[in-house]
């Protein structure tokens, strides 16, 4: 599924506003390219989001329009499997006034279909074809995913909406401030990344660029670098456009190994 956005930790000028438009649907496109040596994986997703006010915040009707995964391994197939049952289907996600996902309609049935889709595709990619063995394999994989707590399930589906919410608070336009953000090493270990966040005005919009890097204490020297440029609409609290880049470099000389990821997100009124 899609990766989490970097959180800014800058000197605040104002608390973020979450006031998405309720008079028009939004078209969201995400494209992520991961490169690991000779291996290249490309994930894309398109969805339509329509917001409506409700007593405790907002209701978001999310329709998945397309999802594709291209890779030499099983990653792309599993990505598509997770989304396949959602294509053309509308998911109702409830958000609080701050834009956090707090509930998903029909969560249990959605999660069951999501888990079985991934489990069935995983069985195929592993070459499990004999009917009884395949059924057992699918049941085992699905059971592992079904064990996720409700909060994590809500977060998984809710991220289809919260991914376009701008993190805040926002720094004063025209400033460059030091920033510390969390990162991940090649084995998933936590890494503290230090750098800067630059905030500028683009008419009524904000242009925010975060650049940070850090090293992982390990046997081999490992350095993690991240850069993300966002165009934010402070009136709605939504991201208009985002381009993120990350790189993990391990070793040196002939043993040098680099893994990169580039993610582009666009949000626009549906025409």
C-alpha atoms as a PDB file:
ATOM      1  CA  UNK A   1       0.000   0.000   0.000  1.00  0.00           C
ATOM      2  CA  UNK A   2       0.816   3.404  -0.289  1.00  0.00           C
ATOM      3  CA  UNK A   3       4.037   4.923   2.101  1.00  0.00           C
ATOM      4  CA  UNK A   4       3.371   7.579   5.073  1.00  0.00           C
ATOM      5  CA  UNK A   5       4.132  11.271   4.421  1.00  0.00           C
ATOM      6  CA  UNK A   6       6.966  13.036   6.313  1.00  0.00           C
ATOM      7  CA  UNK A   7       5.732  15.135   9.257  1.00  0.00           C
ATOM      8  CA  UNK A   8       7.037  18.664   9.557  1.00  0.00           C
ATOM      9  CA  UNK A   9       8.292  19.881  12.904  1.00  0.00           C
ATOM     10  CA  UNK A  10       8.805  23.583  12.245  1.00  0.00           C
ATOM     11  CA  UNK A  11       8.221  26.776  14.176  1.00  0.00           C
ATOM     12  CA  UNK A  12       4.449  27.287  13.844  1.00  0.00           C
ATOM     13  CA  UNK A  13       2.784  30.374  12.427  1.00  0.00           C
ATOM     14  CA  UNK A  14      -0.762  29.036  12.565  1.00  0.00           C
ATOM     15  CA  UNK A  15      -2.561  25.804  13.309  1.00  0.00           C
ATOM     16  CA  UNK A  16      -3.547  23.893  10.154  1.00  0.00           C
ATOM     17  CA  UNK A  17      -7.116  24.217   8.942  1.00  0.00           C
ATOM     18  CA  UNK A  18      -8.988  21.194   7.610  1.00  0.00           C
ATOM     19  CA  UNK A  19     -11.825  22.498   5.446  1.00  0.00           C
ATOM     20  CA  UNK A  20     -11.990  20.391   2.273  1.00  0.00           C
ATOM     21  CA  UNK A  21     -14.332  21.495  -0.516  1.00  0.00           C
ATOM     22  CA  UNK A  22     -17.800  19.929  -0.386  1.00  0.00           C
ATOM     23  CA  UNK A  23     -19.074  21.270  -3.706  1.00  0.00           C
ATOM     24  CA  UNK A  24     -16.849  19.258  -6.071  1.00  0.00           C
ATOM     25  CA  UNK A  25     -15.156  15.878  -6.243  1.00  0.00           C
ATOM     26  CA  UNK A  26     -11.354  15.698  -6.155  1.00  0.00           C
ATOM     27  CA  UNK A  27      -9.254  13.523  -8.456  1.00  0.00           C
ATOM     28  CA  UNK A  28      -6.158  12.116  -6.735  1.00  0.00           C
ATOM     29  CA  UNK A  29      -3.248  10.522  -8.595  1.00  0.00           C
ATOM     30  CA  UNK A  30      -0.254   8.871  -6.924  1.00  0.00           C
ATOM     31  CA  UNK A  31       2.787   7.382  -8.660  1.00  0.00           C
ATOM     32  CA  UNK A  32       5.659   5.791  -6.749  1.00  0.00           C
ATOM     33  CA  UNK A  33       8.859   4.457  -8.328  1.00  0.00           C
ATOM     34  CA  UNK A  34      11.263   2.343  -6.233  1.00  0.00           C
ATOM     35  CA  UNK A  35      14.711   1.458  -7.559  1.00  0.00           C
ATOM     36  CA  UNK A  36      16.947  -1.134  -5.909  1.00  0.00           C
ATOM     37  CA  UNK A  37      19.987  -1.874  -8.047  1.00  0.00           C
ATOM     38  CA  UNK A  38      18.650  -3.383 -11.280  1.00  0.00           C
ATOM     39  CA  UNK A  39      15.189  -3.896  -9.801  1.00  0.00           C
ATOM     40  CA  UNK A  40      12.549  -1.235 -10.477  1.00  0.00           C
ATOM     41  CA  UNK A  41       9.026  -1.217  -9.050  1.00  0.00           C
ATOM     42  CA  UNK A  42       6.282   1.181 -10.150  1.00  0.00           C
ATOM     43  CA  UNK A  43       3.002   1.640  -8.280  1.00  0.00           C
ATOM     44  CA  UNK A  44       0.186   3.916  -9.416  1.00  0.00           C
ATOM     45  CA  UNK A  45      -3.256   4.664  -8.000  1.00  0.00           C
ATOM     46  CA  UNK A  46      -6.128   6.937  -8.952  1.00  0.00           C
ATOM     47  CA  UNK A  47      -9.159   7.726  -6.853  1.00  0.00           C
ATOM     48  CA  UNK A  48     -12.045  10.141  -6.561  1.00  0.00           C
ATOM     49  CA  UNK A  49     -12.849  11.755  -3.207  1.00  0.00           C
ATOM     50  CA  UNK A  50     -16.039  13.647  -2.446  1.00  0.00           C
ATOM     51  CA  UNK A  51     -16.349  15.345   0.958  1.00  0.00           C
ATOM     52  CA  UNK A  52     -19.535  16.197   2.853  1.00  0.00           C
ATOM     53  CA  UNK A  53     -20.026  17.810   6.253  1.00  0.00           C
ATOM     54  CA  UNK A  54     -21.451  15.736   9.071  1.00  0.00           C
ATOM     55  CA  UNK A  55     -21.985  16.463  12.741  1.00  0.00           C
ATOM     56  CA  UNK A  56     -18.586  15.408  14.059  1.00  0.00           C
ATOM     57  CA  UNK A  57     -16.473  16.385  11.063  1.00  0.00           C
ATOM     58  CA  UNK A  58     -16.515  15.128   7.503  1.00  0.00           C
ATOM     59  CA  UNK A  59     -17.638  12.153   5.465  1.00  0.00           C
ATOM     60  CA  UNK A  60     -15.409  11.179   2.541  1.00  0.00           C
ATOM     61  CA  UNK A  61     -16.784   8.990  -0.244  1.00  0.00           C
ATOM     62  CA  UNK A  62     -13.726   7.412  -1.887  1.00  0.00           C
ATOM     63  CA  UNK A  63     -13.950   5.604  -5.213  1.00  0.00           C
ATOM     64  CA  UNK A  64     -10.862   3.722  -6.395  1.00  0.00           C
ATOM     65  CA  UNK A  65     -10.570   4.289 -10.138  1.00  0.00           C
ATOM     66  CA  UNK A  66      -7.362   2.389 -10.916  1.00  0.00           C
ATOM     67  CA  UNK A  67      -4.378   0.701  -9.288  1.00  0.00           C
ATOM     68  CA  UNK A  68      -1.422  -0.940 -11.010  1.00  0.00           C
ATOM     69  CA  UNK A  69       1.837  -2.482  -9.862  1.00  0.00           C
ATOM     70  CA  UNK A  70       4.827  -3.274 -12.077  1.00  0.00           C
ATOM     71  CA  UNK A  71       7.765  -5.254 -10.720  1.00  0.00           C
ATOM     72  CA  UNK A  72       9.983  -8.237 -11.482  1.00  0.00           C
ATOM     73  CA  UNK A  73       8.973  -9.854  -8.174  1.00  0.00           C
ATOM     74  CA  UNK A  74       5.648 -10.398  -6.442  1.00  0.00           C
ATOM     75  CA  UNK A  75       5.337  -6.885  -4.984  1.00  0.00           C
ATOM     76  CA  UNK A  76       3.402  -5.425  -7.912  1.00  0.00           C
ATOM     77  CA  UNK A  77       0.985  -8.347  -8.041  1.00  0.00           C
ATOM     78  CA  UNK A  78       0.286  -8.127  -4.308  1.00  0.00           C
ATOM     79  CA  UNK A  79      -0.279  -4.376  -4.597  1.00  0.00           C
ATOM     80  CA  UNK A  80      -2.849  -4.914  -7.334  1.00  0.00           C
ATOM     81  CA  UNK A  81      -4.459  -7.765  -5.400  1.00  0.00           C
ATOM     82  CA  UNK A  82      -5.053  -5.547  -2.406  1.00  0.00           C
ATOM     83  CA  UNK A  83      -6.856  -2.974  -4.533  1.00  0.00           C
ATOM     84  CA  UNK A  84      -8.580  -5.201  -7.099  1.00  0.00           C
ATOM     85  CA  UNK A  85     -11.809  -5.673  -5.146  1.00  0.00           C
ATOM     86  CA  UNK A  86     -12.025  -1.904  -4.565  1.00  0.00           C
ATOM     87  CA  UNK A  87     -11.939  -0.833  -8.219  1.00  0.00           C
ATOM     88  CA  UNK A  88     -15.155   1.057  -8.956  1.00  0.00           C
ATOM     89  CA  UNK A  89     -16.366   0.629  -5.381  1.00  0.00           C
ATOM     90  CA  UNK A  90     -17.098   3.553  -3.060  1.00  0.00           C
ATOM     91  CA  UNK A  91     -15.757   3.403   0.503  1.00  0.00           C
ATOM     92  CA  UNK A  92     -17.248   5.708   3.130  1.00  0.00           C
ATOM     93  CA  UNK A  93     -14.656   7.093   5.548  1.00  0.00           C
ATOM     94  CA  UNK A  94     -15.558   9.316   8.496  1.00  0.00           C
ATOM     95  CA  UNK A  95     -13.109  11.972   9.690  1.00  0.00           C
ATOM     96  CA  UNK A  96     -13.073  14.196  12.729  1.00  0.00           C
ATOM     97  CA  UNK A  97     -12.864  17.987  12.449  1.00  0.00           C
ATOM     98  CA  UNK A  98      -9.064  17.769  12.273  1.00  0.00           C
ATOM     99  CA  UNK A  99      -9.107  15.421   9.281  1.00  0.00           C
ATOM    100  CA  UNK A 100      -8.195  12.192  11.093  1.00  0.00           C
ATOM    101  CA  UNK A 101      -9.951   8.995  10.023  1.00  0.00           C
ATOM    102  CA  UNK A 102     -12.073   7.677  12.898  1.00  0.00           C
ATOM    103  CA  UNK A 103     -14.420   5.143  11.261  1.00  0.00           C
ATOM    104  CA  UNK A 104     -15.026   3.250   8.018  1.00  0.00           C
ATOM    105  CA  UNK A 105     -18.444   1.929   6.978  1.00  0.00           C
ATOM    106  CA  UNK A 106     -18.601  -1.877   6.508  1.00  0.00           C
ATOM    107  CA  UNK A 107     -15.042  -2.153   7.826  1.00  0.00           C
ATOM    108  CA  UNK A 108     -15.212  -5.883   8.609  1.00  0.00           C
ATOM    109  CA  UNK A 109     -16.435  -6.945   5.162  1.00  0.00           C
ATOM    110  CA  UNK A 110     -13.995  -4.610   3.410  1.00  0.00           C
ATOM    111  CA  UNK A 111     -11.086  -5.922   5.436  1.00  0.00           C
ATOM    112  CA  UNK A 112     -12.084  -9.545   4.835  1.00  0.00           C
ATOM    113  CA  UNK A 113     -12.125  -8.976   1.054  1.00  0.00           C
ATOM    114  CA  UNK A 114      -8.832  -7.061   1.234  1.00  0.00           C
ATOM    115  CA  UNK A 115      -7.107  -9.866   3.175  1.00  0.00           C
ATOM    116  CA  UNK A 116      -8.406 -12.649   0.968  1.00  0.00           C
ATOM    117  CA  UNK A 117      -7.377 -10.784  -2.170  1.00  0.00           C
ATOM    118  CA  UNK A 118      -3.799 -10.461  -0.964  1.00  0.00           C
ATOM    119  CA  UNK A 119      -3.702 -14.046   0.365  1.00  0.00           C
ATOM    120  CA  UNK A 120      -5.001 -15.528  -2.898  1.00  0.00           C
ATOM    121  CA  UNK A 121      -2.520 -13.587  -5.000  1.00  0.00           C
ATOM    122  CA  UNK A 122       0.328 -14.478  -2.623  1.00  0.00           C
ATOM    123  CA  UNK A 123      -0.544 -18.159  -2.981  1.00  0.00           C
ATOM    124  CA  UNK A 124      -0.373 -17.827  -6.766  1.00  0.00           C
ATOM    125  CA  UNK A 125       2.985 -16.041  -6.740  1.00  0.00           C
ATOM    126  CA  UNK A 126       4.365 -18.736  -4.408  1.00  0.00           C
ATOM    127  CA  UNK A 127       3.200 -21.450  -6.802  1.00  0.00           C
ATOM    128  CA  UNK A 128       0.751 -23.114  -4.389  1.00  0.00           C
ATOM    129  CA  UNK A 129      -1.718 -24.785  -6.781  1.00  0.00           C
ATOM    130  CA  UNK A 130      -2.948 -28.011  -5.151  1.00  0.00           C
ATOM    131  CA  UNK A 131      -6.489 -27.200  -3.954  1.00  0.00           C
ATOM    132  CA  UNK A 132      -6.296 -28.303  -0.286  1.00  0.00           C
ATOM    133  CA  UNK A 133      -2.803 -26.921   0.241  1.00  0.00           C
ATOM    134  CA  UNK A 134      -3.837 -23.680  -1.470  1.00  0.00           C
ATOM    135  CA  UNK A 135      -6.913 -23.327   0.738  1.00  0.00           C
ATOM    136  CA  UNK A 136      -4.812 -23.861   3.882  1.00  0.00           C
ATOM    137  CA  UNK A 137      -2.168 -21.402   2.691  1.00  0.00           C
ATOM    138  CA  UNK A 138      -4.746 -18.718   1.881  1.00  0.00           C
ATOM    139  CA  UNK A 139      -6.470 -19.228   5.245  1.00  0.00           C
ATOM    140  CA  UNK A 140      -3.158 -18.862   7.121  1.00  0.00           C
ATOM    141  CA  UNK A 141      -2.121 -15.672   5.316  1.00  0.00           C
ATOM    142  CA  UNK A 142      -5.601 -14.145   5.606  1.00  0.00           C
ATOM    143  CA  UNK A 143      -5.786 -15.021   9.312  1.00  0.00           C
ATOM    144  CA  UNK A 144      -2.547 -13.122   9.960  1.00  0.00           C
ATOM    145  CA  UNK A 145      -3.921  -9.983   8.292  1.00  0.00           C
ATOM    146  CA  UNK A 146      -7.345 -10.412   9.903  1.00  0.00           C
ATOM    147  CA  UNK A 147      -5.617 -10.194  13.281  1.00  0.00           C
ATOM    148  CA  UNK A 148      -4.818  -6.528  12.782  1.00  0.00           C
ATOM    149  CA  UNK A 149      -6.578  -4.310  15.373  1.00  0.00           C
ATOM    150  CA  UNK A 150      -9.466  -2.083  14.306  1.00  0.00           C
ATOM    151  CA  UNK A 151      -7.411   1.101  14.636  1.00  0.00           C
ATOM    152  CA  UNK A 152      -4.844  -0.199  12.146  1.00  0.00           C
ATOM    153  CA  UNK A 153      -7.565  -1.286   9.703  1.00  0.00           C
ATOM    154  CA  UNK A 154      -9.174   2.156   9.848  1.00  0.00           C
ATOM    155  CA  UNK A 155      -5.775   3.752   9.273  1.00  0.00           C
ATOM    156  CA  UNK A 156      -5.164   1.546   6.215  1.00  0.00           C
ATOM    157  CA  UNK A 157      -8.366   2.598   4.437  1.00  0.00           C
ATOM    158  CA  UNK A 158      -8.344   6.090   5.943  1.00  0.00           C
ATOM    159  CA  UNK A 159      -4.924   6.804   4.430  1.00  0.00           C
ATOM    160  CA  UNK A 160      -6.623   7.058   1.039  1.00  0.00           C
ATOM    161  CA  UNK A 161      -7.973  10.380   2.332  1.00  0.00           C
ATOM    162  CA  UNK A 162      -5.475  11.485   4.980  1.00  0.00           C
ATOM    163  CA  UNK A 163      -2.612  11.223   2.435  1.00  0.00           C
ATOM    164  CA  UNK A 164      -3.843  14.484   0.883  1.00  0.00           C
ATOM    165  CA  UNK A 165      -4.196  16.358   4.203  1.00  0.00           C
ATOM    166  CA  UNK A 166      -1.390  18.849   4.799  1.00  0.00           C
ATOM    167  CA  UNK A 167       0.577  18.247   7.997  1.00  0.00           C
ATOM    168  CA  UNK A 168       0.970  21.248  10.240  1.00  0.00           C
ATOM    169  CA  UNK A 169       1.484  23.589  11.896  1.00  0.00           C
ATOM    170  CA  UNK A 170       2.904  25.691   9.083  1.00  0.00           C
ATOM    171  CA  UNK A 171       6.047  27.782   9.474  1.00  0.00           C
ATOM    172  CA  UNK A 172       6.106  31.502   8.718  1.00  0.00           C
ATOM    173  CA  UNK A 173       6.337  32.085   4.933  1.00  0.00           C
ATOM    174  CA  UNK A 174       9.748  33.364   3.888  1.00  0.00           C
ATOM    175  CA  UNK A 175      11.619  31.413   6.567  1.00  0.00           C
ATOM    176  CA  UNK A 176      13.990  28.457   6.659  1.00  0.00           C
ATOM    177  CA  UNK A 177      13.965  26.564   9.937  1.00  0.00           C
ATOM    178  CA  UNK A 178      15.881  23.552  11.298  1.00  0.00           C
ATOM    179  CA  UNK A 179      13.861  20.352  11.364  1.00  0.00           C
ATOM    180  CA  UNK A 180      14.180  16.841  12.784  1.00  0.00           C
ATOM    181  CA  UNK A 181      12.050  14.089  11.244  1.00  0.00           C
ATOM    182  CA  UNK A 182      11.797  10.300  11.637  1.00  0.00           C
ATOM    183  CA  UNK A 183      13.262   8.010   8.997  1.00  0.00           C
ATOM    184  CA  UNK A 184      13.814   4.308   8.396  1.00  0.00           C
ATOM    185  CA  UNK A 185      16.993   2.352   7.725  1.00  0.00           C
ATOM    186  CA  UNK A 186      17.237  -0.546   5.230  1.00  0.00           C
ATOM    187  CA  UNK A 187      16.093  -3.053   7.858  1.00  0.00           C
ATOM    188  CA  UNK A 188      13.277  -0.884   9.220  1.00  0.00           C
ATOM    189  CA  UNK A 189      15.279   0.538  12.107  1.00  0.00           C
ATOM    190  CA  UNK A 190      14.409   4.045  13.298  1.00  0.00           C
ATOM    191  CA  UNK A 191      16.705   6.846  12.148  1.00  0.00           C
ATOM    192  CA  UNK A 192      16.643  10.505  13.171  1.00  0.00           C
ATOM    193  CA  UNK A 193      17.046  12.783  10.153  1.00  0.00           C
ATOM    194  CA  UNK A 194      18.131  16.411  10.544  1.00  0.00           C
ATOM    195  CA  UNK A 195      17.811  19.195   8.009  1.00  0.00           C
ATOM    196  CA  UNK A 196      15.739  22.234   7.115  1.00  0.00           C
ATOM    197  CA  UNK A 197      12.188  23.170   6.159  1.00  0.00           C
ATOM    198  CA  UNK A 198      11.748  26.138   3.841  1.00  0.00           C
ATOM    199  CA  UNK A 199       8.341  27.820   3.528  1.00  0.00           C
ATOM    200  CA  UNK A 200       7.441  30.298   0.795  1.00  0.00           C
ATOM    201  CA  UNK A 201       4.262  31.875  -0.497  1.00  0.00           C
ATOM    202  CA  UNK A 202       2.962  31.109  -3.987  1.00  0.00           C
ATOM    203  CA  UNK A 203       0.050  33.511  -4.221  1.00  0.00           C
ATOM    204  CA  UNK A 204      -2.624  32.116  -1.883  1.00  0.00           C
ATOM    205  CA  UNK A 205      -0.724  28.815  -1.604  1.00  0.00           C
ATOM    206  CA  UNK A 206       2.295  27.688   0.405  1.00  0.00           C
ATOM    207  CA  UNK A 207       5.367  26.012  -1.058  1.00  0.00           C
ATOM    208  CA  UNK A 208       7.082  23.884   1.595  1.00  0.00           C
ATOM    209  CA  UNK A 209      10.361  22.037   1.009  1.00  0.00           C
ATOM    210  CA  UNK A 210      11.769  19.651   3.626  1.00  0.00           C
ATOM    211  CA  UNK A 211      15.295  18.248   3.228  1.00  0.00           C
ATOM    212  CA  UNK A 212      16.911  16.018   5.843  1.00  0.00           C
ATOM    213  CA  UNK A 213      19.443  13.218   6.220  1.00  0.00           C
ATOM    214  CA  UNK A 214      21.027  11.000   8.850  1.00  0.00           C
ATOM    215  CA  UNK A 215      23.246   7.973   9.385  1.00  0.00           C
ATOM    216  CA  UNK A 216      22.416   4.512  10.689  1.00  0.00           C
ATOM    217  CA  UNK A 217      24.884   3.072  13.210  1.00  0.00           C
ATOM    218  CA  UNK A 218      25.698  -0.294  11.626  1.00  0.00           C
ATOM    219  CA  UNK A 219      28.527  -2.517  10.477  1.00  0.00           C
ATOM    220  CA  UNK A 220      28.331  -0.938   7.044  1.00  0.00           C
ATOM    221  CA  UNK A 221      28.038   2.830   6.763  1.00  0.00           C
ATOM    222  CA  UNK A 222      24.419   3.663   5.917  1.00  0.00           C
ATOM    223  CA  UNK A 223      23.070   7.096   5.093  1.00  0.00           C
ATOM    224  CA  UNK A 224      19.398   7.998   4.631  1.00  0.00           C
ATOM    225  CA  UNK A 225      18.348  11.167   2.788  1.00  0.00           C
ATOM    226  CA  UNK A 226      14.876  12.580   2.134  1.00  0.00           C
ATOM    227  CA  UNK A 227      13.489  15.576   0.271  1.00  0.00           C
ATOM    228  CA  UNK A 228       9.850  16.536  -0.187  1.00  0.00           C
ATOM    229  CA  UNK A 229       8.353  19.572  -1.908  1.00  0.00           C
ATOM    230  CA  UNK A 230       4.673  20.289  -1.280  1.00  0.00           C
ATOM    231  CA  UNK A 231       2.255  22.873  -2.618  1.00  0.00           C
ATOM    232  CA  UNK A 232      -0.366  23.381   0.106  1.00  0.00           C
ATOM    233  CA  UNK A 233      -3.668  25.229   0.129  1.00  0.00           C
ATOM    234  CA  UNK A 234      -3.872  26.673   3.670  1.00  0.00           C
ATOM    235  CA  UNK A 235      -7.541  27.613   3.136  1.00  0.00           C
ATOM    236  CA  UNK A 236      -8.577  23.957   2.807  1.00  0.00           C
ATOM    237  CA  UNK A 237      -5.700  22.217   4.575  1.00  0.00           C
ATOM    238  CA  UNK A 238      -5.115  20.002   1.531  1.00  0.00           C
ATOM    239  CA  UNK A 239      -2.021  19.216  -0.493  1.00  0.00           C
ATOM    240  CA  UNK A 240      -2.336  20.313  -4.123  1.00  0.00           C
ATOM    241  CA  UNK A 241       0.864  18.674  -5.291  1.00  0.00           C
ATOM    242  CA  UNK A 242       3.720  16.776  -3.680  1.00  0.00           C
ATOM    243  CA  UNK A 243       7.011  15.357  -4.942  1.00  0.00           C
ATOM    244  CA  UNK A 244       9.003  13.219  -2.515  1.00  0.00           C
ATOM    245  CA  UNK A 245      12.403  11.599  -2.938  1.00  0.00           C
ATOM    246  CA  UNK A 246      14.333   9.320  -0.605  1.00  0.00           C
ATOM    247  CA  UNK A 247      17.624   7.492  -0.841  1.00  0.00           C
ATOM    248  CA  UNK A 248      19.302   4.872   1.319  1.00  0.00           C
ATOM    249  CA  UNK A 249      23.017   4.380   0.638  1.00  0.00           C
ATOM    250  CA  UNK A 250      24.859   1.437   2.166  1.00  0.00           C
ATOM    251  CA  UNK A 251      28.537   0.597   2.018  1.00  0.00           C
ATOM    252  CA  UNK A 252      31.243   2.265  -0.069  1.00  0.00           C
ATOM    253  CA  UNK A 253      33.330   1.686  -3.164  1.00  0.00           C
ATOM    254  CA  UNK A 254      32.593  -1.600  -4.916  1.00  0.00           C
ATOM    255  CA  UNK A 255      30.222  -2.524  -2.066  1.00  0.00           C
ATOM    256  CA  UNK A 256      28.157   0.639  -2.434  1.00  0.00           C
ATOM    257  CA  UNK A 257      24.429  -0.032  -2.746  1.00  0.00           C
ATOM    258  CA  UNK A 258      21.708   2.571  -3.308  1.00  0.00           C
ATOM    259  CA  UNK A 259      17.931   2.249  -2.950  1.00  0.00           C
ATOM    260  CA  UNK A 260      15.760   5.177  -4.032  1.00  0.00           C
ATOM    261  CA  UNK A 261      12.048   5.984  -4.021  1.00  0.00           C
ATOM    262  CA  UNK A 262      10.220   8.802  -5.785  1.00  0.00           C
ATOM    263  CA  UNK A 263       6.564   9.588  -5.095  1.00  0.00           C
ATOM    264  CA  UNK A 264       4.443  12.138  -6.949  1.00  0.00           C
ATOM    265  CA  UNK A 265       0.946  13.110  -5.749  1.00  0.00           C
ATOM    266  CA  UNK A 266      -1.503  15.473  -7.433  1.00  0.00           C
ATOM    267  CA  UNK A 267      -4.926  16.625  -6.238  1.00  0.00           C
ATOM    268  CA  UNK A 268      -7.255  18.546  -8.539  1.00  0.00           C
ATOM    269  CA  UNK A 269     -10.986  19.201  -8.930  1.00  0.00           C
ATOM    270  CA  UNK A 270     -12.528  16.540 -11.140  1.00  0.00           C
ATOM    271  CA  UNK A 271     -13.344  17.878 -14.573  1.00  0.00           C
END
